[in-house]
């Protein structure tokens, strides 16, 4: 007798093979049968008319803080993700000496938009070293599985102190110690190492991330620490700055360590074809045997603007700054006052010291009203700039009108990256490149500005079913990309496929009726902190290790999820050759 039987479903097994109708028998958290036998089971799901897929493996999240105070890794687990990889972009909370806690909180607050009070109240800090951090997480049970990477920022500060935070050059001794701790972390269960080399990542005080200017000796030295562990991956975010020196660092990290590396790539609005050169260089590296991949995503990197959110088009206006801390209801009263509206619209924003808002005020053509059922490939004809021109008003006046509707809960969608030509055709080309993997959802981060953790659902609703502005993607391709490919890319070879012997992480999906809802603001973080949440219809069941954690979008309360320590072997290694 099986613990769980899923019968009559159209199985999309994650390998890219055509769907087939089959039954799936699960015992002790493992798939033990896939075929046409209808055996007895303690629990049965009739999936007639539904598709059955492996659980999604999201390799780019930031739940490093949330896993310490919450046992549900939402919003990712709301969107079919059954394994999340955190510790990306070189930020996290271990290793950490007691006097560096505030420094790491400031870095996470600035880079990932997680408010200081949330982290200050929520983090238990019952660790110092990275292995102790993993031990702390291992004591708890969660809705889904997750894996951690050791982040460069905390590692550098732990070894170098103020010198590390101030981006001084690491000595040979510093590098040796960082490499040793990296090896120790991976041997204790870290999935890999991550770092950031982008000016977009700053502390809450506006200082660059400690790892921004780390030199090649440091980067290669730490990579060798990964190599010394005999397993593990590396993840990098960088600006690429138009020179080959950055690629040389990445190449040498992989070449010297023998470990795979992925780097974030998206279309920039100013250099709309820059990603092509990046992918060409990555392809050249792979042709030389250097295992280098780009993490890409299938929708814009979208910043949300709203009266309850971190930013909106008036954030640099003095009159708005004077009222932005008011409760929403009081703020609305002020913004609906004709005299205040007039002052606000006539006022010059303070853009000299705020490069992000300076960019915002030049890109109204990249902003869109977010509908109740969001359109993540909106037509430029429906941009804020275009709609304002039709109405004969300034885009800022149009923004103010939108933001003060719907009780102040309306949002504006700003396509910050990956939409430089007003189309997702470049994103499609990126996704289909042989040296890319799907990532960049950032679940658990950007609590008041970005809600892209739902991109797994978007790949199904938009790319498989609904897209009208270009070619779609096939269902088997999308499932393989989000399951086997992502799992394999980070060494989690025991999941991502529906086959005998694999981990029973599964989604039962009503694709015909799947719907992605508009993000909404919740105040459920520690200290009453705010975060963006997004829900979807269509997930009939999400299963982790054979236990149903969601039924029709509602949590069952099951907690089969655990910290995954390190890379995992496939049940049959030859099946991945």
Protein backbone atom coordinates (compact mmCIF):
# COMPACT_ATOMS: atom_id res chain seq x y z
CA UNK A 1 0.00 0.00 0.00
CA UNK A 2 1.36 3.39 -1.03
CA UNK A 3 1.41 6.35 1.34
CA UNK A 4 0.10 8.50 -1.52
CA UNK A 5 -1.20 7.67 -4.97
CA UNK A 6 -1.62 10.34 -7.66
CA UNK A 7 -3.70 8.83 -10.43
CA UNK A 8 -5.01 9.74 -13.88
CA UNK A 9 -2.83 12.83 -14.21
CA UNK A 10 -0.92 14.03 -17.29
CA UNK A 11 2.65 13.60 -16.06
CA UNK A 12 5.24 16.11 -17.25
CA UNK A 13 8.26 14.40 -15.75
CA UNK A 14 10.84 17.21 -15.83
CA UNK A 15 13.16 15.63 -18.41
CA UNK A 16 11.65 17.44 -21.39
CA UNK A 17 9.79 14.32 -22.54
CA UNK A 18 6.25 14.56 -23.87
CA UNK A 19 3.52 14.33 -21.21
CA UNK A 20 2.00 10.91 -20.58
CA UNK A 21 -0.98 9.85 -18.51
CA UNK A 22 0.28 7.81 -15.57
CA UNK A 23 -0.20 6.99 -11.90
CA UNK A 24 2.48 7.82 -9.33
CA UNK A 25 2.99 5.75 -6.20
CA UNK A 26 4.82 7.33 -3.26
CA UNK A 27 6.22 5.57 -0.19
CA UNK A 28 8.37 7.03 2.62
CA UNK A 29 8.83 10.33 0.77
CA UNK A 30 10.14 8.71 -2.42
CA UNK A 31 8.55 7.95 -5.79
CA UNK A 32 8.41 4.15 -5.98
CA UNK A 33 6.22 3.65 -9.04
CA UNK A 34 5.24 5.50 -12.22
CA UNK A 35 2.89 3.66 -14.54
CA UNK A 36 -0.65 2.40 -15.06
CA UNK A 37 -1.25 0.22 -12.00
CA UNK A 38 -3.96 1.51 -9.66
CA UNK A 39 -2.91 0.12 -6.27
CA UNK A 40 -4.28 0.77 -2.80
CA UNK A 41 -3.04 3.85 -0.95
CA UNK A 42 -3.56 5.60 2.35
CA UNK A 43 -4.23 8.83 0.48
CA UNK A 44 -5.22 9.35 -3.15
CA UNK A 45 -5.32 12.39 -5.42
CA UNK A 46 -7.37 12.01 -8.58
CA UNK A 47 -5.55 14.24 -11.09
CA UNK A 48 -7.88 13.62 -14.02
CA UNK A 49 -7.68 16.64 -16.34
CA UNK A 50 -4.69 18.03 -14.43
CA UNK A 51 -0.95 18.09 -15.07
CA UNK A 52 1.49 16.55 -12.62
CA UNK A 53 5.01 17.97 -12.46
CA UNK A 54 8.05 17.77 -10.21
CA UNK A 55 8.23 20.47 -7.56
CA UNK A 56 10.03 23.58 -8.76
CA UNK A 57 13.61 24.22 -7.63
CA UNK A 58 14.23 27.96 -7.21
CA UNK A 59 17.98 28.58 -7.09
CA UNK A 60 17.89 32.33 -6.32
CA UNK A 61 16.13 33.31 -3.08
CA UNK A 62 16.93 35.27 0.09
CA UNK A 63 15.19 33.47 2.94
CA UNK A 64 18.33 33.67 5.13
CA UNK A 65 16.48 35.65 7.79
CA UNK A 66 12.94 34.36 7.27
CA UNK A 67 13.93 30.73 7.93
CA UNK A 68 15.01 31.71 11.44
CA UNK A 69 11.60 33.05 12.50
CA UNK A 70 9.08 31.45 10.14
CA UNK A 71 8.40 27.86 9.11
CA UNK A 72 6.72 28.72 5.80
CA UNK A 73 8.92 29.92 2.96
CA UNK A 74 6.23 32.05 1.39
CA UNK A 75 5.72 33.42 -1.21
CA UNK A 76 7.84 30.73 -2.92
CA UNK A 77 5.89 27.80 -1.51
CA UNK A 78 2.67 29.45 -2.75
CA UNK A 79 3.99 29.03 -6.29
CA UNK A 80 4.93 25.38 -6.51
CA UNK A 81 8.50 25.76 -5.26
CA UNK A 82 9.50 22.74 -3.19
CA UNK A 83 13.21 23.55 -2.82
CA UNK A 84 14.64 27.06 -2.43
CA UNK A 85 18.31 27.98 -2.52
CA UNK A 86 19.17 31.01 -0.37
CA UNK A 87 22.37 32.88 0.49
CA UNK A 88 22.67 34.51 -2.93
CA UNK A 89 24.35 37.80 -3.88
CA UNK A 90 26.96 37.61 -1.14
CA UNK A 91 24.63 38.67 1.68
CA UNK A 92 23.49 36.73 4.74
CA UNK A 93 24.01 36.39 8.47
CA UNK A 94 26.83 33.91 8.97
CA UNK A 95 29.60 33.79 9.86
CA UNK A 96 29.16 36.72 12.25
CA UNK A 97 30.98 37.94 15.34
CA UNK A 98 28.72 39.44 18.03
CA UNK A 99 29.87 43.00 17.35
CA UNK A 100 29.14 42.72 13.60
CA UNK A 101 25.42 41.96 13.81
CA UNK A 102 24.34 45.52 13.03
CA UNK A 103 26.73 45.65 10.10
CA UNK A 104 25.21 42.57 8.49
CA UNK A 105 21.67 43.78 9.17
CA UNK A 106 22.50 47.07 7.46
CA UNK A 107 23.90 45.23 4.46
CA UNK A 108 20.84 42.99 4.10
CA UNK A 109 18.50 45.95 4.61
CA UNK A 110 20.20 47.95 1.89
CA UNK A 111 20.73 45.19 -0.66
CA UNK A 112 17.52 43.21 -0.22
CA UNK A 113 15.08 45.78 1.23
CA UNK A 114 14.32 43.87 4.45
CA UNK A 115 13.65 46.49 7.16
CA UNK A 116 16.05 46.82 10.11
CA UNK A 117 13.37 46.34 12.82
CA UNK A 118 12.30 43.06 11.19
CA UNK A 119 15.83 41.66 11.26
CA UNK A 120 16.70 43.11 14.66
CA UNK A 121 13.68 41.49 16.28
CA UNK A 122 13.44 38.34 14.18
CA UNK A 123 17.00 36.99 14.09
CA UNK A 124 17.83 34.79 17.13
CA UNK A 125 21.60 35.01 16.53
CA UNK A 126 22.23 31.63 18.17
CA UNK A 127 25.26 31.09 15.95
CA UNK A 128 28.61 32.61 15.07
CA UNK A 129 30.16 30.29 12.51
CA UNK A 130 28.45 29.11 9.35
CA UNK A 131 28.25 25.49 10.53
CA UNK A 132 26.53 26.76 13.71
CA UNK A 133 24.06 28.68 11.54
CA UNK A 134 23.23 25.47 9.66
CA UNK A 135 22.86 23.60 12.93
CA UNK A 136 20.39 26.22 14.14
CA UNK A 137 18.29 25.84 10.97
CA UNK A 138 18.42 22.05 11.18
CA UNK A 139 16.49 22.13 14.44
CA UNK A 140 13.27 23.22 12.70
CA UNK A 141 10.75 21.78 10.23
CA UNK A 142 9.42 23.80 7.30
CA UNK A 143 6.85 23.61 4.54
CA UNK A 144 9.52 23.15 1.84
CA UNK A 145 13.18 22.20 1.60
CA UNK A 146 15.89 24.83 1.37
CA UNK A 147 19.65 24.97 0.96
CA UNK A 148 22.13 27.66 2.01
CA UNK A 149 25.25 29.18 0.47
CA UNK A 150 28.04 30.90 2.38
CA UNK A 151 27.93 34.63 1.46
CA UNK A 152 31.08 36.61 0.72
CA UNK A 153 30.03 39.79 2.57
CA UNK A 154 29.76 38.25 6.06
CA UNK A 155 32.76 36.03 5.37
CA UNK A 156 34.96 39.01 4.46
CA UNK A 157 33.88 41.04 7.48
CA UNK A 158 34.35 38.03 9.78
CA UNK A 159 37.97 37.61 8.70
CA UNK A 160 38.98 41.23 7.99
CA UNK A 161 36.75 43.30 10.30
CA UNK A 162 36.70 46.99 9.41
CA UNK A 163 39.22 46.42 6.62
CA UNK A 164 36.78 44.03 4.98
CA UNK A 165 33.79 46.33 5.37
CA UNK A 166 35.83 49.22 3.93
CA UNK A 167 36.81 47.17 0.86
CA UNK A 168 40.54 47.14 1.57
CA UNK A 169 42.66 44.65 -0.33
CA UNK A 170 42.74 41.23 1.30
CA UNK A 171 46.15 39.93 2.34
CA UNK A 172 47.39 36.45 1.53
CA UNK A 173 46.58 35.46 5.12
CA UNK A 174 43.04 36.90 4.81
CA UNK A 175 42.45 34.93 1.62
CA UNK A 176 43.75 31.72 3.13
CA UNK A 177 41.43 32.07 6.13
CA UNK A 178 38.39 32.88 3.93
CA UNK A 179 39.15 29.85 1.77
CA UNK A 180 39.43 27.63 4.85
CA UNK A 181 36.06 28.82 6.21
CA UNK A 182 34.48 28.31 2.79
CA UNK A 183 35.71 24.71 2.70
CA UNK A 184 34.47 24.22 6.27
CA UNK A 185 31.03 25.64 5.40
CA UNK A 186 30.58 23.38 2.36
CA UNK A 187 31.76 20.32 4.29
CA UNK A 188 29.13 21.24 6.93
CA UNK A 189 26.39 21.42 4.31
CA UNK A 190 26.57 24.76 2.46
CA UNK A 191 25.54 24.32 -1.16
CA UNK A 192 28.15 26.78 -2.35
CA UNK A 193 29.54 30.33 -2.18
CA UNK A 194 28.03 33.60 -3.41
CA UNK A 195 29.34 37.11 -3.96
CA UNK A 196 28.29 40.55 -5.26
CA UNK A 197 30.30 42.91 -7.45
CA UNK A 198 27.60 45.43 -8.38
CA UNK A 199 27.14 49.08 -7.43
CA UNK A 200 23.41 48.39 -7.13
CA UNK A 201 24.12 46.59 -3.84
CA UNK A 202 24.67 49.01 -0.96
CA UNK A 203 24.18 49.10 2.80
CA UNK A 204 21.25 51.02 4.25
CA UNK A 205 23.71 53.88 4.80
CA UNK A 206 24.53 53.99 1.09
CA UNK A 207 27.94 52.33 1.33
CA UNK A 208 28.95 49.78 -1.35
CA UNK A 209 28.88 46.11 -0.46
CA UNK A 210 32.17 44.96 1.15
CA UNK A 211 32.83 42.61 -1.77
CA UNK A 212 32.45 45.14 -4.59
CA UNK A 213 36.15 45.53 -5.41
CA UNK A 214 37.54 42.21 -4.20
CA UNK A 215 40.54 41.45 -6.42
CA UNK A 216 41.19 38.38 -8.51
CA UNK A 217 43.52 36.78 -5.93
CA UNK A 218 40.76 36.91 -3.32
CA UNK A 219 38.07 35.65 -5.67
CA UNK A 220 40.17 32.77 -6.97
CA UNK A 221 41.45 31.96 -3.49
CA UNK A 222 37.92 31.56 -2.12
CA UNK A 223 36.92 29.59 -5.23
CA UNK A 224 39.77 27.24 -4.46
CA UNK A 225 38.22 26.84 -1.02
CA UNK A 226 35.08 25.61 -2.78
CA UNK A 227 37.19 23.27 -4.89
CA UNK A 228 38.96 21.89 -1.83
CA UNK A 229 35.60 20.74 -0.46
CA UNK A 230 35.09 18.58 -3.54
CA UNK A 231 31.56 19.87 -4.18
CA UNK A 232 29.59 23.10 -4.24
CA UNK A 233 28.67 25.83 -6.71
CA UNK A 234 29.42 29.54 -6.98
CA UNK A 235 26.99 32.40 -7.67
CA UNK A 236 27.98 35.94 -8.70
CA UNK A 237 26.18 39.18 -9.45
CA UNK A 238 28.26 41.83 -11.22
CA UNK A 239 27.94 44.94 -13.39
CA UNK A 240 30.25 43.65 -16.15
CA UNK A 241 31.40 47.26 -16.70
CA UNK A 242 32.18 46.66 -20.37
CA UNK A 243 35.64 45.12 -19.86
CA UNK A 244 37.05 41.61 -20.07
CA UNK A 245 38.65 41.81 -16.62
CA UNK A 246 35.42 40.79 -14.91
CA UNK A 247 35.07 37.75 -17.14
CA UNK A 248 38.66 36.82 -16.46
CA UNK A 249 37.88 36.70 -12.74
CA UNK A 250 34.90 34.42 -13.37
CA UNK A 251 36.85 32.23 -15.74
CA UNK A 252 39.73 31.81 -13.33
CA UNK A 253 37.39 31.07 -10.41
CA UNK A 254 35.96 28.12 -12.36
CA UNK A 255 39.20 27.05 -14.02
CA UNK A 256 41.23 27.00 -10.81
CA UNK A 257 38.57 25.45 -8.58
CA UNK A 258 36.95 23.03 -11.00
CA UNK A 259 33.53 24.05 -9.64
CA UNK A 260 30.59 25.47 -11.67
CA UNK A 261 29.60 29.14 -11.46
CA UNK A 262 26.48 31.07 -12.43
CA UNK A 263 26.21 34.82 -12.91
CA UNK A 264 23.10 37.01 -13.09
CA UNK A 265 22.30 38.40 -16.55
CA UNK A 266 19.42 40.68 -17.59
CA UNK A 267 18.75 43.21 -20.34
CA UNK A 268 19.73 46.76 -19.40
CA UNK A 269 17.54 49.61 -20.63
CA UNK A 270 20.49 51.67 -21.89
CA UNK A 271 22.54 48.94 -23.59
CA UNK A 272 19.72 46.75 -24.82
CA UNK A 273 21.96 44.25 -26.63
CA UNK A 274 24.70 44.03 -23.99
CA UNK A 275 23.42 40.66 -22.81
CA UNK A 276 24.25 39.16 -26.20
CA UNK A 277 27.98 39.84 -25.77
CA UNK A 278 27.83 38.43 -22.23
CA UNK A 279 26.21 35.21 -23.40
CA UNK A 280 28.66 34.91 -26.30
CA UNK A 281 31.56 35.14 -23.86
CA UNK A 282 29.92 32.58 -21.57
CA UNK A 283 29.43 30.27 -24.55
CA UNK A 284 33.12 30.65 -25.49
CA UNK A 285 34.09 29.71 -21.93
CA UNK A 286 31.93 26.58 -22.03
CA UNK A 287 33.48 25.59 -25.35
CA UNK A 288 36.81 25.66 -23.50
CA UNK A 289 35.43 23.36 -20.81
CA UNK A 290 34.81 26.13 -18.25
CA UNK A 291 31.41 25.45 -16.63
CA UNK A 292 29.89 28.93 -16.53
CA UNK A 293 26.17 29.70 -16.79
CA UNK A 294 23.98 32.80 -16.75
CA UNK A 295 21.00 33.05 -14.42
CA UNK A 296 18.15 34.67 -16.36
CA UNK A 297 14.40 35.14 -15.89
CA UNK A 298 11.32 35.19 -18.09
CA UNK A 299 9.85 38.52 -17.08
CA UNK A 300 11.01 42.05 -16.26
CA UNK A 301 12.83 42.67 -12.99
CA UNK A 302 9.91 44.74 -11.80
CA UNK A 303 9.98 47.34 -9.04
CA UNK A 304 6.56 48.05 -7.57
CA UNK A 305 5.62 51.61 -6.58
CA UNK A 306 2.85 52.36 -4.11
CA UNK A 307 1.85 54.44 -1.11
CA UNK A 308 2.54 51.48 1.21
CA UNK A 309 5.78 50.48 -0.51
CA UNK A 310 9.42 51.50 -0.27
CA UNK A 311 9.29 53.90 -3.23
CA UNK A 312 6.94 55.67 -5.59
CA UNK A 313 7.47 58.48 -8.12
CA UNK A 314 7.13 61.09 -5.33
CA UNK A 315 9.70 59.62 -2.95
CA UNK A 316 12.20 62.39 -3.77
CA UNK A 317 9.63 65.19 -3.27
CA UNK A 318 9.96 67.11 0.00
CA UNK A 319 6.20 67.51 0.39
CA UNK A 320 5.73 63.75 0.08
CA UNK A 321 8.61 63.01 2.43
CA UNK A 322 6.85 65.12 5.05
CA UNK A 323 3.83 62.78 5.03
CA UNK A 324 5.24 59.41 3.95
CA UNK A 325 5.41 58.02 7.50
CA UNK A 326 1.70 58.72 8.14
CA UNK A 327 -0.78 55.83 8.20
CA UNK A 328 -2.18 55.11 4.76
CA UNK A 329 -5.60 56.60 5.50
CA UNK A 330 -4.10 59.90 6.70
CA UNK A 331 -1.68 59.97 3.82
CA UNK A 332 -4.57 59.59 1.37
CA UNK A 333 -6.43 62.50 2.92
CA UNK A 334 -3.37 64.70 2.40
CA UNK A 335 -2.75 63.53 -1.17
CA UNK A 336 -6.38 64.15 -2.11
CA UNK A 337 -6.22 67.72 -0.82
CA UNK A 338 -6.12 69.98 -3.94
CA UNK A 339 -3.64 72.39 -2.37
CA UNK A 340 -1.19 69.66 -1.39
CA UNK A 341 -1.55 67.99 -4.79
CA UNK A 342 -0.73 71.31 -6.46
CA UNK A 343 2.36 71.83 -4.29
CA UNK A 344 3.52 68.29 -4.91
CA UNK A 345 3.15 68.47 -8.68
CA UNK A 346 4.84 71.88 -8.95
CA UNK A 347 7.75 70.92 -6.70
CA UNK A 348 11.18 69.93 -8.04
CA UNK A 349 12.20 66.49 -6.74
CA UNK A 350 15.53 66.17 -4.91
CA UNK A 351 17.36 63.91 -7.32
CA UNK A 352 20.99 64.95 -6.88
CA UNK A 353 21.76 62.39 -4.18
CA UNK A 354 19.31 59.71 -5.29
CA UNK A 355 20.43 58.06 -8.54
CA UNK A 356 17.60 55.51 -8.46
CA UNK A 357 14.90 58.17 -8.32
CA UNK A 358 16.75 60.24 -10.90
CA UNK A 359 16.46 57.27 -13.25
CA UNK A 360 12.79 56.79 -12.34
CA UNK A 361 11.92 60.34 -13.40
CA UNK A 362 13.37 59.73 -16.85
CA UNK A 363 11.57 56.43 -17.48
CA UNK A 364 7.81 56.96 -17.34
CA UNK A 365 7.69 54.94 -20.57
CA UNK A 366 8.85 51.94 -18.50
CA UNK A 367 6.02 52.24 -15.94
CA UNK A 368 2.61 50.55 -16.10
CA UNK A 369 -0.52 50.41 -13.98
CA UNK A 370 -0.57 47.00 -12.29
CA UNK A 371 -3.90 45.28 -12.95
CA UNK A 372 -5.69 42.82 -10.65
CA UNK A 373 -4.41 40.08 -12.94
CA UNK A 374 -0.92 41.45 -13.70
CA UNK A 375 0.40 41.66 -17.25
CA UNK A 376 4.15 41.08 -17.13
CA UNK A 377 4.60 41.73 -20.85
CA UNK A 378 2.63 44.99 -21.15
CA UNK A 379 2.42 46.91 -24.40
CA UNK A 380 4.37 50.21 -24.50
CA UNK A 381 1.08 51.72 -25.73
CA UNK A 382 -0.21 51.22 -22.17
CA UNK A 383 2.75 52.78 -20.37
CA UNK A 384 2.29 55.64 -17.93
CA UNK A 385 3.94 57.96 -20.45
CA UNK A 386 1.59 56.91 -23.26
CA UNK A 387 -1.59 57.04 -21.16
CA UNK A 388 -0.66 60.42 -19.69
CA UNK A 389 -0.06 61.82 -23.16
CA UNK A 390 -3.49 60.59 -24.27
CA UNK A 391 -5.07 62.42 -21.33
CA UNK A 392 -2.99 65.54 -21.91
CA UNK A 393 -1.42 65.51 -18.42
CA UNK A 394 2.09 65.19 -17.04
CA UNK A 395 3.04 61.57 -16.20
CA UNK A 396 3.51 62.54 -12.54
CA UNK A 397 -0.05 63.83 -12.35
CA UNK A 398 -1.25 60.57 -13.89
CA UNK A 399 0.81 58.61 -11.32
CA UNK A 400 -0.72 60.57 -8.46
CA UNK A 401 -4.21 59.86 -9.75
CA UNK A 402 -3.49 56.12 -10.01
CA UNK A 403 -1.85 55.86 -6.57
CA UNK A 404 -4.72 57.58 -4.77
CA UNK A 405 -7.36 55.26 -6.23
CA UNK A 406 -8.52 51.93 -4.71
CA UNK A 407 -8.06 53.20 -1.14
CA UNK A 408 -4.41 53.90 -1.85
CA UNK A 409 -3.59 50.27 -2.62
CA UNK A 410 -2.97 50.68 -6.35
CA UNK A 411 0.52 49.89 -7.60
CA UNK A 412 2.65 50.99 -10.52
CA UNK A 413 4.90 48.42 -12.18
CA UNK A 414 8.34 49.77 -13.13
CA UNK A 415 10.22 47.49 -15.54
CA UNK A 416 13.65 48.21 -14.08
CA UNK A 417 15.55 45.53 -16.04
CA UNK A 418 14.85 42.94 -18.74
CA UNK A 419 12.40 45.09 -20.70
CA UNK A 420 14.59 47.57 -22.55
CA UNK A 421 12.72 47.10 -25.84
CA UNK A 422 9.20 46.86 -24.41
CA UNK A 423 9.06 43.13 -25.16
CA UNK A 424 10.09 39.81 -23.62
CA UNK A 425 11.58 38.51 -26.88
CA UNK A 426 15.12 39.11 -25.55
CA UNK A 427 14.18 37.25 -22.35
CA UNK A 428 12.97 34.32 -24.47
CA UNK A 429 16.23 34.26 -26.38
CA UNK A 430 18.15 34.35 -23.11
CA UNK A 431 16.12 31.53 -21.58
CA UNK A 432 16.59 29.31 -24.63
CA UNK A 433 20.37 29.80 -24.74
CA UNK A 434 22.17 26.52 -23.93
CA UNK A 435 24.30 28.14 -21.21
CA UNK A 436 21.53 29.71 -19.11
CA UNK A 437 19.36 28.59 -16.19
CA UNK A 438 16.23 30.13 -14.72
CA UNK A 439 16.75 32.23 -11.59
CA UNK A 440 16.52 35.76 -10.16
CA UNK A 441 13.11 35.39 -8.48
CA UNK A 442 14.50 36.79 -5.19
CA UNK A 443 11.83 35.20 -2.96
CA UNK A 444 12.12 36.45 0.62
CA UNK A 445 13.76 39.74 -0.33
CA UNK A 446 12.80 43.23 -1.53
CA UNK A 447 9.87 43.16 0.86
CA UNK A 448 8.56 46.58 -0.11
CA UNK A 449 9.61 46.84 -3.74
CA UNK A 450 9.78 43.58 -5.75
CA UNK A 451 7.54 40.51 -5.84
CA UNK A 452 9.12 38.25 -8.45
CA UNK A 453 9.07 35.06 -6.37
CA UNK A 454 5.96 34.15 -8.37
CA UNK A 455 7.88 33.83 -11.63
CA UNK A 456 7.46 30.03 -11.52
CA UNK A 457 3.70 30.49 -11.91
CA UNK A 458 4.22 33.20 -14.52
CA UNK A 459 6.23 30.79 -16.65
CA UNK A 460 3.15 28.58 -16.85
CA UNK A 461 0.40 31.18 -17.22
CA UNK A 462 2.23 33.50 -19.61
CA UNK A 463 4.83 31.50 -21.50
CA UNK A 464 2.95 28.20 -21.84
CA UNK A 465 -0.69 29.32 -22.04
CA UNK A 466 -1.40 33.01 -22.61
CA UNK A 467 1.36 34.81 -24.48
CA UNK A 468 0.04 36.80 -27.46
CA UNK A 469 2.97 39.07 -28.37
CA UNK A 470 5.23 36.32 -29.70
CA UNK A 471 5.89 32.62 -29.63
CA UNK A 472 5.16 30.60 -26.51
CA UNK A 473 7.31 27.97 -24.82
CA UNK A 474 6.32 24.32 -24.60
CA UNK A 475 5.08 22.87 -21.33
CA UNK A 476 7.78 20.15 -21.19
CA UNK A 477 10.50 22.76 -21.80
CA UNK A 478 9.29 25.05 -19.00
CA UNK A 479 8.94 22.21 -16.49
CA UNK A 480 12.40 20.86 -17.32
CA UNK A 481 13.88 24.34 -17.01
CA UNK A 482 12.33 24.87 -13.57
CA UNK A 483 12.92 21.37 -12.23
CA UNK A 484 15.67 19.12 -13.58
CA UNK A 485 17.81 21.95 -14.98
CA UNK A 486 17.78 24.12 -11.87
CA UNK A 487 18.21 21.15 -9.53
CA UNK A 488 21.11 19.78 -11.56
CA UNK A 489 22.77 23.21 -11.78
CA UNK A 490 23.22 23.34 -8.00
CA UNK A 491 23.96 19.66 -7.43
CA UNK A 492 20.55 18.61 -6.07
CA UNK A 493 20.32 15.56 -8.29
CA UNK A 494 17.84 13.65 -6.12
CA UNK A 495 14.89 15.84 -7.20
CA UNK A 496 13.43 17.68 -10.19
CA UNK A 497 12.30 14.52 -12.03
CA UNK A 498 9.26 12.26 -11.69
CA UNK A 499 10.84 8.82 -11.82
CA UNK A 500 11.34 5.84 -9.55
CA UNK A 501 13.75 6.57 -6.72
CA UNK A 502 13.50 10.37 -6.88
CA UNK A 503 12.33 12.54 -4.02
CA UNK A 504 8.52 12.85 -4.00
CA UNK A 505 8.34 16.62 -4.51
CA UNK A 506 5.40 17.13 -6.86
CA UNK A 507 2.86 19.69 -8.07
CA UNK A 508 -0.65 18.83 -9.25
CA UNK A 509 -1.73 21.76 -11.41
CA UNK A 510 -4.95 22.93 -13.04
CA UNK A 511 -3.23 24.82 -15.86
CA UNK A 512 -6.48 25.74 -17.61
CA UNK A 513 -7.71 27.67 -14.58
CA UNK A 514 -4.37 28.86 -13.22
CA UNK A 515 -4.38 32.56 -12.35
CA UNK A 516 -1.76 34.87 -10.91
CA UNK A 517 -3.18 37.52 -8.58
CA UNK A 518 -1.94 41.05 -7.99
CA UNK A 519 0.66 41.40 -5.20
CA UNK A 520 -0.66 42.70 -1.91
CA UNK A 521 0.90 44.19 1.21
CA UNK A 522 0.99 42.15 4.41
CA UNK A 523 2.25 43.24 7.82
CA UNK A 524 3.19 39.84 9.17
CA UNK A 525 6.96 40.06 9.63
CA UNK A 526 8.61 40.48 13.04
CA UNK A 527 8.01 43.93 14.58
CA UNK A 528 4.93 44.23 12.34
CA UNK A 529 7.15 44.53 9.29
CA UNK A 530 5.71 44.88 5.81
CA UNK A 531 6.20 42.57 2.87
CA UNK A 532 4.72 41.98 -0.55
CA UNK A 533 2.85 38.72 -1.02
CA UNK A 534 1.33 37.21 -4.13
CA UNK A 535 -1.06 34.30 -4.54
CA UNK A 536 -2.16 32.08 -7.39
CA UNK A 537 -5.06 29.83 -8.28
CA UNK A 538 -4.38 26.51 -9.94
CA UNK A 539 -2.11 24.64 -7.55
CA UNK A 540 -4.43 21.75 -6.67
CA UNK A 541 -1.74 20.18 -4.53
CA UNK A 542 1.90 20.81 -3.71
CA UNK A 543 3.74 17.84 -2.22
CA UNK A 544 7.09 17.73 -0.42
CA UNK A 545 8.66 14.39 0.51
CA UNK A 546 5.33 12.73 -0.12
CA UNK A 547 3.33 15.03 2.19
CA UNK A 548 0.73 17.49 0.88
CA UNK A 549 1.70 20.97 2.06
CA UNK A 550 -0.87 22.92 0.00
CA UNK A 551 -4.33 21.97 -1.25
CA UNK A 552 -6.00 24.44 -3.60
CA UNK A 553 -3.75 27.21 -2.38
CA UNK A 554 -4.40 26.59 1.32
CA UNK A 555 -1.60 25.44 3.62
CA UNK A 556 -2.27 22.08 5.25
CA UNK A 557 0.11 22.71 8.14
CA UNK A 558 2.40 19.83 7.13
CA UNK A 559 6.08 20.51 7.73
CA UNK A 560 8.13 17.93 5.80
CA UNK A 561 10.68 20.51 4.63
CA UNK A 562 14.22 20.47 5.95
CA UNK A 563 17.57 22.13 5.46
CA UNK A 564 19.31 20.27 2.64
CA UNK A 565 22.96 19.87 3.54
CA UNK A 566 25.12 19.98 0.44
CA UNK A 567 24.81 18.39 -2.97
CA UNK A 568 22.68 15.27 -3.36
CA UNK A 569 23.27 12.19 -5.49
CA UNK A 570 20.72 11.00 -8.04
CA UNK A 571 19.09 7.64 -7.32
CA UNK A 572 20.60 6.45 -10.59
CA UNK A 573 23.53 8.63 -11.62
CA UNK A 574 23.46 7.25 -15.15
CA UNK A 575 19.99 8.75 -15.62
CA UNK A 576 21.53 12.22 -15.68
CA UNK A 577 24.29 11.45 -18.15
